[in-house]
Amino acid sequence: MSLALSRVRFSFARVVAGCTTTIALGATLPAAATGLDVRLDIVATPTSVTRSSDQLATYASYGFTLKSLEHDRFSKFKFKGTVAVAGLPAGIAGPTLLSADGATCSLDAGVLECSVPGELKECDATLTFTVTLKTPVGGTGVTVSGKTTFLEHYYKWENTNVATASTALTEPNPDSLSTFVPASATAATTLFSGTNTEGGVVGAIPIVDTKAVPPINDPFTTTVIVPAGSAATTASLAEQELAASCSANPRCFESKLTIPGSFDFLTIILRRDRTTLMMSKPPKNHGHDSAPGKGHDKGNGRGHDDDDDDGRYSGQSAIDQAIVKYFPDDDPANPDKFIIVPNCSVVPGGVPTPKHPCIQSRKAYPTKSSSKTPVPAGLEGDRELVILAADNGRYSN
């Protein structure tokens, strides 16, 4: 009596470097079958970030995992590898080490070394650590590569495989930002789109300057402040101009925030340049000459050149009426569902709740800076909304 081999299914238990593993014929053997006792994996988070600029530092994070592939005792783990930047211009410094969690690390002249505490005693047991780098101001990508040495059962030195992870670096963009956000127990992290900043101003300012070389056209900026005490996370920020007008202005802008995590609240600063504001006529019998250069100059979207009679800055009445729409990001079945964001002064407790942000302040800057009403350069005649939010979503104004 004989059996056709095609009708027989084989399986067997094989001891691979101390681990008992059932392997079907034709299956890929685990790494240990090739002689590895411990495997190293590196994962970049996120896989693409906006590179740093002179105004804003951005970060890339790398998670390292050491996994035992056999029943034995492994200790004294030391990683050694390189941090290389593709396309880094001559004279531009490379990445710097911001922090390491779960290991003690150093980065010098592109060489990354880490001592990892702990032992692996069981098959499939793991040790993990994280390295966070400040990205350079040049280059197109950062690659971390290396291997880990360790002591096997107190007497034999071994190596893991060589592992590699890469992070793409994108050019700073006035309409978008992507970065890792490191955790800090004491300091808030400020993120913003655009590259325009000014001393004494938190975050980015909008600038439209056709006479600049090259011309600057950044009419709307978004700044996000992640509070101290927040866990490490990733962040992306994307702006766009909408086709329809909104908030009684001829131009409407939208900011989309994607920052996973739980926060006391995020502080979101929306600023629009004076050139995006609706021109208006002064009220009758206001007592001011509306001719250009005299009294209240409304030409070219400038608002008022002096203070209003009620003591507020020019344009304040208009911004008091400005509407901000909030679109939650967790309801894909209803992408057009929104709420009108209220002032925090009318919200119980004065703070936001999940899916219900609020406007903390509204400000119209004078069109000219003076000793009486100083205005940071670039904010003359601009308008600003400060929003408090407990979560992500889209904001249009």
Protein backbone atom coordinates (compact mmCIF):
# COMPACT_ATOMS: atom_id res chain seq x y z
CA MET A 1 0.00 0.00 0.00
CA SER A 2 1.34 3.43 -0.89
CA LEU A 3 0.26 7.03 -0.39
CA ALA A 4 0.64 9.83 -2.91
CA LEU A 5 3.02 12.40 -1.49
CA SER A 6 0.77 15.19 -2.77
CA ARG A 7 -1.87 14.11 -0.26
CA VAL A 8 0.41 14.21 2.75
CA ARG A 9 0.86 17.41 4.75
CA PHE A 10 4.02 17.65 6.77
CA SER A 11 4.76 19.74 9.82
CA PHE A 12 7.40 19.39 12.45
CA ALA A 13 8.59 20.98 15.65
CA ARG A 14 12.06 22.38 15.42
CA VAL A 15 14.23 23.77 18.17
CA VAL A 16 15.67 26.98 16.73
CA ALA A 17 18.34 28.55 18.93
CA GLY A 18 16.46 27.44 22.00
CA CYS A 19 12.94 28.45 20.89
CA THR A 20 10.47 25.70 20.01
CA THR A 21 8.74 26.76 16.81
CA THR A 22 6.29 24.86 14.61
CA ILE A 23 7.14 25.51 10.97
CA ALA A 24 5.14 24.41 7.95
CA LEU A 25 7.12 23.17 4.97
CA GLY A 26 7.93 26.08 2.67
CA ALA A 27 7.47 28.72 5.42
CA THR A 28 10.15 31.35 6.05
CA LEU A 29 12.33 30.48 9.01
CA PRO A 30 12.56 33.03 11.83
CA ALA A 31 15.64 35.22 12.09
CA ALA A 32 17.10 32.93 14.74
CA ALA A 33 17.42 30.17 12.13
CA THR A 34 20.08 32.30 10.41
CA GLY A 35 22.16 32.48 13.58
CA LEU A 36 20.72 35.60 15.24
CA ASP A 37 20.08 35.45 18.95
CA VAL A 38 18.67 38.99 19.25
CA ARG A 39 17.03 41.05 16.50
CA LEU A 40 17.18 44.84 16.23
CA ASP A 41 14.42 46.88 14.58
CA ILE A 42 14.32 50.67 14.11
CA VAL A 43 11.17 52.62 13.20
CA ALA A 44 11.08 56.32 12.26
CA THR A 45 8.18 58.39 13.61
CA PRO A 46 6.92 60.09 11.57
CA THR A 47 8.48 58.99 8.28
CA SER A 48 8.48 62.57 6.92
CA VAL A 49 9.00 65.86 8.75
CA THR A 50 9.51 69.48 7.79
CA ARG A 51 13.18 70.25 8.29
CA SER A 52 14.17 72.92 10.78
CA SER A 53 14.46 76.57 9.82
CA ASP A 54 16.17 79.51 11.47
CA GLN A 55 12.81 80.35 13.10
CA LEU A 56 11.47 76.91 14.07
CA ALA A 57 13.07 73.67 15.24
CA THR A 58 11.48 70.40 14.14
CA TYR A 59 12.19 66.87 15.32
CA ALA A 60 12.39 63.27 14.12
CA SER A 61 12.00 60.28 16.44
CA TYR A 62 13.39 56.75 16.17
CA GLY A 63 12.07 53.80 18.13
CA PHE A 64 14.53 50.93 18.74
CA THR A 65 13.38 47.42 19.67
CA LEU A 66 15.66 44.56 20.76
CA LYS A 67 13.90 41.19 20.65
CA SER A 68 15.24 37.89 22.01
CA LEU A 69 15.00 34.98 19.57
CA GLU A 70 15.99 32.23 22.00
CA HIS A 71 15.82 31.11 25.61
CA ASP A 72 19.01 32.50 27.09
CA ARG A 73 20.28 35.44 29.09
CA PHE A 74 21.45 38.52 27.20
CA SER A 75 22.73 41.75 28.78
CA LYS A 76 25.03 44.78 28.43
CA PHE A 77 23.42 46.05 25.23
CA LYS A 78 25.30 48.78 23.36
CA PHE A 79 24.09 50.27 20.11
CA LYS A 80 26.56 51.91 17.75
CA GLY A 81 25.65 53.38 14.41
CA THR A 82 25.54 56.44 12.21
CA VAL A 83 23.20 59.37 11.60
CA ALA A 84 23.57 60.49 7.99
CA VAL A 85 21.84 63.30 6.09
CA ALA A 86 21.20 63.03 2.36
CA GLY A 87 21.83 66.19 0.35
CA LEU A 88 23.27 68.18 3.26
CA PRO A 89 24.97 71.32 1.86
CA ALA A 90 28.58 71.99 2.83
CA GLY A 91 28.91 74.05 5.97
CA ILE A 92 25.46 73.10 7.31
CA ALA A 93 25.44 71.27 10.64
CA GLY A 94 23.79 67.87 10.81
CA PRO A 95 21.15 66.67 13.27
CA THR A 96 21.71 67.04 16.99
CA LEU A 97 20.55 64.78 19.81
CA LEU A 98 17.59 66.23 21.68
CA SER A 99 16.79 63.35 24.03
CA ALA A 100 16.86 59.61 24.60
CA ASP A 101 14.25 57.65 26.53
CA GLY A 102 15.10 54.18 27.83
CA ALA A 103 18.81 54.47 27.05
CA THR A 104 21.81 56.74 27.59
CA CYS A 105 22.95 58.09 24.23
CA SER A 106 25.46 60.42 22.63
CA LEU A 107 25.77 61.80 19.09
CA ASP A 108 29.13 63.11 17.96
CA ALA A 109 30.24 63.76 14.38
CA GLY A 110 27.44 61.58 13.04
CA VAL A 111 28.19 58.61 15.31
CA LEU A 112 25.30 57.55 17.57
CA GLU A 113 26.10 55.39 20.61
CA CYS A 114 23.60 54.17 23.22
CA SER A 115 23.88 52.05 26.35
CA VAL A 116 20.66 50.14 26.98
CA PRO A 117 19.94 48.92 30.51
CA GLY A 118 18.16 45.65 31.23
CA GLU A 119 18.33 42.00 30.23
CA LEU A 120 16.51 39.61 27.91
CA LYS A 121 15.84 36.24 29.53
CA GLU A 122 12.95 34.77 27.56
CA CYS A 123 12.26 34.10 23.92
CA ASP A 124 10.31 37.00 22.35
CA ALA A 125 11.13 39.32 25.29
CA THR A 126 11.92 42.88 24.23
CA LEU A 127 13.77 46.00 25.31
CA THR A 128 12.87 49.34 23.75
CA PHE A 129 14.31 52.84 23.67
CA THR A 130 13.65 56.04 21.74
CA VAL A 131 16.02 58.62 20.30
CA THR A 132 14.81 62.09 19.26
CA LEU A 133 16.86 64.26 16.92
CA LYS A 134 16.59 67.94 16.08
CA THR A 135 16.53 68.09 12.29
CA PRO A 136 19.07 70.14 10.31
CA VAL A 137 18.22 73.24 8.28
CA GLY A 138 19.34 71.52 5.08
CA GLY A 139 19.18 68.14 3.42
CA THR A 140 16.48 65.84 2.09
CA GLY A 141 16.49 62.98 4.58
CA VAL A 142 17.96 61.56 7.80
CA THR A 143 18.98 57.90 8.03
CA VAL A 144 19.84 56.11 11.28
CA SER A 145 21.67 52.80 10.86
CA GLY A 146 23.64 50.47 13.12
CA LYS A 147 23.76 47.31 15.21
CA THR A 148 23.86 46.36 18.87
CA THR A 149 26.46 44.31 20.69
CA PHE A 150 25.48 42.30 23.77
CA LEU A 151 26.78 39.70 26.18
CA GLU A 152 25.36 36.18 25.93
CA HIS A 153 25.19 34.25 29.18
CA TYR A 154 27.99 36.29 30.80
CA TYR A 155 30.83 35.07 28.59
CA LYS A 156 30.24 35.51 24.84
CA TRP A 157 29.89 38.76 22.91
CA GLU A 158 27.39 38.75 20.06
CA ASN A 159 25.94 41.22 17.53
CA THR A 160 22.44 41.87 16.27
CA ASN A 161 21.64 42.46 12.64
CA VAL A 162 22.21 45.91 11.16
CA ALA A 163 18.94 47.90 11.17
CA THR A 164 18.08 51.09 9.32
CA ALA A 165 15.30 53.69 9.40
CA SER A 166 14.93 56.89 7.39
CA THR A 167 13.00 60.14 7.74
CA ALA A 168 12.32 62.33 4.71
CA LEU A 169 12.95 66.06 5.19
CA THR A 170 10.63 68.46 3.39
CA GLU A 171 11.30 72.15 2.81
CA PRO A 172 9.68 74.65 5.22
CA ASN A 173 6.38 75.71 3.71
CA PRO A 174 4.15 78.68 4.57
CA ASP A 175 1.10 76.41 4.34
CA SER A 176 2.10 73.21 6.13
CA LEU A 177 4.16 71.63 8.89
CA SER A 178 4.96 68.07 9.99
CA THR A 179 7.08 67.14 12.99
CA PHE A 180 7.55 64.91 16.01
CA VAL A 181 6.55 66.68 19.22
CA PRO A 182 8.77 65.66 22.15
CA ALA A 183 7.31 65.37 25.61
CA SER A 184 8.25 68.03 28.15
CA ALA A 185 7.13 68.27 31.73
CA THR A 186 8.09 71.94 32.03
CA ALA A 187 8.06 73.64 28.61
CA ALA A 188 5.32 74.17 26.04
CA THR A 189 6.09 73.40 22.39
CA THR A 190 5.27 76.05 19.79
CA LEU A 191 4.54 74.94 16.22
CA PHE A 192 3.61 77.11 13.27
CA SER A 193 3.18 77.22 9.55
CA GLY A 194 5.14 79.79 7.60
CA THR A 195 8.61 81.16 8.24
CA ASN A 196 7.85 84.73 9.31
CA THR A 197 8.56 85.59 12.93
CA GLU A 198 9.33 88.70 14.92
CA GLY A 199 10.94 89.21 18.30
CA GLY A 200 8.39 89.33 21.09
CA VAL A 201 5.67 87.66 19.00
CA VAL A 202 4.57 84.10 19.74
CA GLY A 203 4.60 82.02 16.56
CA ALA A 204 4.24 83.14 12.96
CA ILE A 205 3.01 86.39 11.48
CA PRO A 206 1.39 86.82 8.04
CA ILE A 207 3.26 88.96 5.53
CA VAL A 208 2.31 89.99 2.01
CA ASP A 209 5.14 92.01 0.48
CA THR A 210 5.28 92.21 -3.30
CA LYS A 211 8.35 94.44 -3.15
CA ALA A 212 10.45 91.90 -1.28
CA VAL A 213 13.03 89.87 -3.23
CA PRO A 214 11.72 87.29 -3.71
CA PRO A 215 8.13 88.46 -3.04
CA ILE A 216 6.48 87.19 0.15
CA ASN A 217 2.89 85.97 -0.07
CA ASP A 218 1.88 84.44 3.27
CA PRO A 219 -1.50 86.06 4.06
CA PHE A 220 -2.61 83.61 6.76
CA THR A 221 -0.67 81.87 9.52
CA THR A 222 -1.47 79.26 12.16
CA THR A 223 0.41 78.81 15.42
CA VAL A 224 -0.25 75.89 17.79
CA ILE A 225 1.05 75.73 21.34
CA VAL A 226 1.14 72.21 22.84
CA PRO A 227 1.08 72.58 26.64
CA ALA A 228 3.80 71.34 28.97
CA GLY A 229 3.07 67.94 30.45
CA SER A 230 1.70 66.49 27.22
CA ALA A 231 2.93 63.10 26.07
CA ALA A 232 5.18 62.84 23.03
CA THR A 233 3.21 62.80 19.79
CA THR A 234 3.35 63.75 16.13
CA ALA A 235 1.87 66.87 14.59
CA SER A 236 0.80 68.02 11.16
CA LEU A 237 -0.67 71.36 10.22
CA ALA A 238 -2.11 72.19 6.81
CA GLU A 239 -3.56 75.49 5.58
CA GLN A 240 -5.55 76.24 2.48
CA GLU A 241 -7.53 79.10 1.02
CA LEU A 242 -11.18 78.24 0.44
CA ALA A 243 -13.03 79.18 -2.73
CA ALA A 244 -15.96 80.75 -0.86
CA SER A 245 -15.70 83.89 1.23
CA CYS A 246 -16.51 83.75 4.93
CA SER A 247 -16.77 85.93 8.00
CA ALA A 248 -17.73 88.91 5.78
CA ASN A 249 -14.23 88.94 4.28
CA PRO A 250 -13.48 88.45 0.57
CA ARG A 251 -11.01 85.66 1.34
CA CYS A 252 -11.45 82.65 3.61
CA PHE A 253 -8.77 80.37 5.03
CA GLU A 254 -8.81 76.99 6.72
CA SER A 255 -6.37 75.32 9.12
CA LYS A 256 -6.37 71.57 9.70
CA LEU A 257 -4.70 70.19 12.83
CA THR A 258 -3.72 66.56 13.32
CA ILE A 259 -2.03 66.12 16.68
CA PRO A 260 -2.84 62.74 18.28
CA GLY A 261 -3.08 62.73 22.05
CA SER A 262 -4.94 64.09 25.03
CA PHE A 263 -4.31 67.68 26.16
CA ASP A 264 -5.56 70.06 28.79
CA PHE A 265 -6.04 72.26 25.75
CA LEU A 266 -4.14 73.44 22.70
CA THR A 267 -3.71 77.16 22.05
CA ILE A 268 -4.30 77.99 18.39
CA ILE A 269 -3.41 81.45 17.07
CA LEU A 270 -4.93 82.38 13.70
CA ARG A 271 -3.62 85.56 12.06
CA ARG A 272 -4.61 87.11 8.74
CA ASP A 273 -2.81 89.88 6.88
CA ARG A 274 -4.47 93.26 6.41
CA THR A 275 -4.62 92.68 2.66
CA THR A 276 -7.18 89.90 3.17
CA LEU A 277 -9.65 92.10 5.03
CA MET A 278 -12.79 93.61 3.60
CA MET A 279 -12.72 97.32 2.83
CA SER A 280 -15.50 99.26 4.48
CA LYS A 281 -16.83 102.77 4.73
CA PRO A 282 -16.77 104.77 7.96
CA PRO A 283 -20.16 105.37 9.59
CA LYS A 284 -21.85 108.69 8.97
CA ASN A 285 -21.26 111.48 11.49
CA HIS A 286 -18.34 109.55 12.92
CA GLY A 287 -16.37 112.78 13.27
CA HIS A 288 -13.31 111.64 11.28
CA ASP A 289 -12.12 112.51 7.80
CA SER A 290 -12.20 109.38 5.66
CA ALA A 291 -9.86 110.77 3.01
CA PRO A 292 -6.71 108.70 2.52
CA GLY A 293 -4.03 109.66 4.98
CA LYS A 294 -6.47 111.57 7.15
CA GLY A 295 -8.29 110.27 10.15
CA HIS A 296 -9.63 106.81 9.34
CA ASP A 297 -7.99 105.48 6.20
CA LYS A 298 -10.11 102.63 4.91
CA GLY A 299 -8.37 102.33 1.57
CA ASN A 300 -6.66 99.12 0.51
CA GLY A 301 -8.13 97.17 3.39
CA ARG A 302 -6.22 99.20 5.94
CA GLY A 303 -8.97 99.73 8.45
CA HIS A 304 -8.43 102.78 10.64
CA ASP A 305 -5.11 104.58 10.92
CA ASP A 306 -5.90 105.83 14.42
CA ASP A 307 -7.76 104.65 17.49
CA ASP A 308 -11.53 104.46 17.58
CA ASP A 309 -13.38 106.93 19.78
CA ASP A 310 -14.26 104.13 22.20
CA GLY A 311 -10.58 103.55 22.99
CA ARG A 312 -10.27 100.28 21.08
CA TYR A 313 -7.92 99.65 18.20
CA SER A 314 -9.23 100.24 14.71
CA GLY A 315 -11.06 97.31 13.17
CA GLN A 316 -11.90 95.84 16.56
CA SER A 317 -15.64 96.08 15.98
CA ALA A 318 -15.30 94.02 12.81
CA ILE A 319 -13.21 91.29 14.39
CA ASP A 320 -15.62 91.13 17.31
CA GLN A 321 -18.18 89.93 14.77
CA ALA A 322 -15.85 87.53 12.95
CA ILE A 323 -17.08 83.95 12.71
CA VAL A 324 -14.87 80.87 13.08
CA LYS A 325 -16.25 77.50 12.00
CA TYR A 326 -14.95 74.30 13.60
CA PHE A 327 -15.19 70.96 11.77
CA PRO A 328 -14.44 67.88 13.94
CA ASP A 329 -12.09 65.39 12.32
CA ASP A 330 -13.62 62.17 13.68
CA ASP A 331 -16.88 62.05 11.73
CA PRO A 332 -15.98 61.15 8.12
CA ALA A 333 -19.63 60.39 7.38
CA ASN A 334 -20.43 64.07 8.01
CA PRO A 335 -17.38 66.02 6.81
CA ASP A 336 -19.36 69.26 6.51
CA LYS A 337 -20.73 69.17 10.05
CA PHE A 338 -19.50 72.20 11.99
CA ILE A 339 -20.15 74.49 14.93
CA ILE A 340 -19.66 78.24 15.26
CA VAL A 341 -16.89 78.67 17.81
CA PRO A 342 -18.14 80.76 20.77
CA ASN A 343 -16.14 83.13 22.91
CA CYS A 344 -14.66 81.48 26.00
CA SER A 345 -16.34 84.21 28.08
CA VAL A 346 -19.74 82.63 27.43
CA VAL A 347 -18.60 79.01 27.95
CA PRO A 348 -19.14 77.49 31.42
CA GLY A 349 -15.81 77.60 33.20
CA GLY A 350 -14.25 79.60 30.36
CA VAL A 351 -12.38 76.58 28.95
CA PRO A 352 -12.96 74.27 25.97
CA THR A 353 -14.42 70.78 26.17
CA PRO A 354 -14.00 67.90 23.67
CA LYS A 355 -15.32 68.91 20.25
CA HIS A 356 -16.22 72.36 21.59
CA PRO A 357 -13.35 74.85 21.28
CA CYS A 358 -13.74 78.49 22.24
CA ILE A 359 -12.21 81.85 21.30
CA GLN A 360 -10.08 83.25 24.10
CA SER A 361 -9.32 86.62 22.49
CA ARG A 362 -9.79 88.71 19.33
CA LYS A 363 -7.45 91.51 18.35
CA ALA A 364 -7.22 94.04 15.53
CA TYR A 365 -3.76 95.63 15.41
CA PRO A 366 -3.42 99.35 14.62
CA THR A 367 -2.18 100.07 11.12
CA LYS A 368 0.73 102.13 12.43
CA SER A 369 3.04 101.60 15.34
CA SER A 370 3.50 104.45 17.80
CA SER A 371 4.71 104.98 21.33
CA LYS A 372 1.07 104.95 22.43
CA THR A 373 0.15 101.80 20.51
CA PRO A 374 3.31 99.84 19.59
CA VAL A 375 2.80 97.14 16.97
CA PRO A 376 5.30 94.37 16.20
CA ALA A 377 6.72 94.65 12.69
CA GLY A 378 4.58 92.75 10.21
CA LEU A 379 1.38 92.87 12.26
CA GLU A 380 0.30 96.40 11.31
CA GLY A 381 -3.40 96.30 10.47
CA ASP A 382 -3.57 92.50 10.88
CA ARG A 383 -6.19 90.58 12.84
CA GLU A 384 -5.69 87.79 15.35
CA LEU A 385 -7.90 85.12 16.90
CA VAL A 386 -6.70 82.98 19.82
CA ILE A 387 -8.61 79.70 20.14
CA LEU A 388 -8.46 77.13 22.94
CA ALA A 389 -9.18 73.55 21.89
CA ALA A 390 -9.15 70.12 23.51
CA ASP A 391 -8.73 68.18 20.26
CA ASN A 392 -8.09 68.26 16.52
CA GLY A 393 -10.12 69.38 13.57
CA ARG A 394 -10.46 72.10 10.92
CA TYR A 395 -10.92 75.81 11.56
CA SER A 396 -12.10 78.23 8.90
CA ASN A 397 -12.17 82.04 9.14
